[in-house]
Amino acid sequence: MLYLVQDDIGTQLKAVLTREDDGVAVNLTDATVRLKFRARGSTTVLFTLSSITTSDEDKENGIAVFQFGSGNLAIDEGKYEGEIEATFDNGSIETVFEKLEFYVRADF
């Protein structure tokens, strides 16, 4: 479970994508990596974040960094889930099977 606070901006999430069968990093150099975010139990995607990773070395090592921006976390307190998807230049799409689980709490 990942914990977030309502209305925060600038919060980042770092994900390292590796192949389950051999543990090798997924080379993300030619990919657009996105995090889709929705309320748990819903089918409606609330927003999508694109990876802000710019370093070629990080991309080669499967690193994707997502930054929550203005309005993303202006949502109700509760449980949410995310899905990471990589779309490669050749058109292939790979989706991480495990969903990310989030809990958003109210700000003071």
Protein backbone atom coordinates (compact mmCIF):
# COMPACT_ATOMS: atom_id res chain seq x y z
CA MET A 1 0.00 0.00 0.00
CA LEU A 2 1.29 3.44 -0.96
CA TYR A 3 0.11 6.41 1.08
CA LEU A 4 -0.72 9.83 -0.35
CA VAL A 5 -2.22 13.04 1.05
CA GLN A 6 -5.11 14.93 -0.55
CA ASP A 7 -4.22 17.99 -2.63
CA ASP A 8 -0.44 17.41 -2.46
CA ILE A 9 1.47 18.38 -5.59
CA GLY A 10 4.99 17.28 -6.34
CA THR A 11 4.69 13.85 -4.73
CA GLN A 12 6.68 11.34 -6.77
CA LEU A 13 6.50 7.59 -7.25
CA LYS A 14 9.49 5.64 -8.57
CA ALA A 15 8.91 2.25 -10.20
CA VAL A 16 11.55 -0.17 -11.43
CA LEU A 17 10.18 -2.51 -14.09
CA THR A 18 11.81 -5.94 -14.35
CA ARG A 19 10.92 -9.18 -16.08
CA GLU A 20 9.46 -11.69 -13.64
CA ASP A 21 11.08 -14.71 -15.30
CA ASP A 22 14.71 -13.54 -15.14
CA GLY A 23 14.74 -10.30 -13.11
CA VAL A 24 16.24 -8.30 -15.99
CA ALA A 25 15.20 -4.65 -16.21
CA VAL A 26 12.75 -3.71 -18.96
CA ASN A 27 14.54 -1.28 -21.28
CA LEU A 28 12.20 1.72 -21.46
CA THR A 29 14.36 3.79 -23.82
CA ASP A 30 11.84 3.60 -26.68
CA ALA A 31 8.72 3.56 -24.53
CA THR A 32 6.11 5.92 -23.19
CA VAL A 33 5.33 4.80 -19.65
CA ARG A 34 2.05 5.77 -18.00
CA LEU A 35 0.40 5.29 -14.62
CA LYS A 36 -3.39 5.07 -14.76
CA PHE A 37 -5.12 5.96 -11.48
CA ARG A 38 -8.67 5.10 -10.38
CA ALA A 39 -10.78 4.53 -7.29
CA ARG A 40 -10.70 0.92 -6.09
CA GLY A 41 -13.73 -0.93 -7.42
CA SER A 42 -14.29 1.58 -10.23
CA THR A 43 -13.64 1.23 -13.95
CA THR A 44 -13.28 4.99 -14.48
CA VAL A 45 -9.71 6.24 -14.81
CA LEU A 46 -9.45 9.50 -12.85
CA PHE A 47 -6.16 10.60 -14.42
CA THR A 48 -3.08 9.30 -16.18
CA LEU A 49 0.50 10.31 -15.38
CA SER A 50 3.36 9.98 -17.86
CA SER A 51 6.81 9.08 -16.60
CA ILE A 52 9.09 12.09 -16.14
CA THR A 53 12.25 9.97 -16.36
CA THR A 54 14.71 11.66 -18.73
CA SER A 55 18.00 9.87 -18.08
CA ASP A 56 18.86 7.29 -20.74
CA GLU A 57 20.62 5.21 -18.09
CA ASP A 58 17.51 5.17 -15.88
CA LYS A 59 15.32 4.20 -18.84
CA GLU A 60 17.71 1.37 -19.76
CA ASN A 61 17.44 0.16 -16.15
CA GLY A 62 13.63 0.09 -16.23
CA ILE A 63 13.14 3.15 -14.02
CA ALA A 64 9.97 5.20 -14.39
CA VAL A 65 9.21 8.19 -12.15
CA PHE A 66 5.71 9.62 -11.92
CA GLN A 67 4.92 13.01 -10.38
CA PHE A 68 1.48 13.92 -9.08
CA GLY A 69 0.58 17.42 -10.18
CA SER A 70 -1.95 20.12 -9.51
CA GLY A 71 -5.44 18.67 -9.12
CA ASN A 72 -4.44 15.00 -9.33
CA LEU A 73 -4.97 14.39 -5.61
CA ALA A 74 -7.97 16.70 -5.25
CA ILE A 75 -10.00 13.55 -4.63
CA ASP A 76 -11.94 11.97 -1.78
CA GLU A 77 -10.13 10.19 1.01
CA GLY A 78 -10.09 6.47 0.38
CA LYS A 79 -8.60 3.53 -1.47
CA TYR A 80 -7.34 3.76 -5.03
CA GLU A 81 -5.37 1.63 -7.46
CA GLY A 82 -2.94 2.21 -10.27
CA GLU A 83 -1.74 0.37 -13.34
CA ILE A 84 1.58 0.92 -15.10
CA GLU A 85 1.66 0.50 -18.87
CA ALA A 86 4.55 0.88 -21.32
CA THR A 87 3.89 1.58 -25.00
CA PHE A 88 6.92 1.02 -27.21
CA ASP A 89 7.77 2.78 -30.48
CA ASN A 90 7.00 -0.42 -32.41
CA GLY A 91 3.40 -0.30 -31.11
CA SER A 92 3.70 -3.11 -28.58
CA ILE A 93 2.15 -2.54 -25.15
CA GLU A 94 3.23 -4.15 -21.90
CA THR A 95 1.16 -3.74 -18.75
CA VAL A 96 2.49 -4.57 -15.30
CA PHE A 97 0.22 -7.34 -14.02
CA GLU A 98 0.21 -6.30 -10.34
CA LYS A 99 -1.92 -3.28 -9.52
CA LEU A 100 -0.50 -0.62 -7.23
CA GLU A 101 -2.63 0.02 -4.15
CA PHE A 102 -2.95 3.55 -2.77
CA TYR A 103 -4.62 5.11 0.23
CA VAL A 104 -5.30 8.85 0.09
CA ARG A 105 -5.91 10.55 3.42
CA ALA A 106 -7.31 13.99 4.11
CA ASP A 107 -4.87 16.86 4.64
CA PHE A 108 -4.88 18.68 8.00
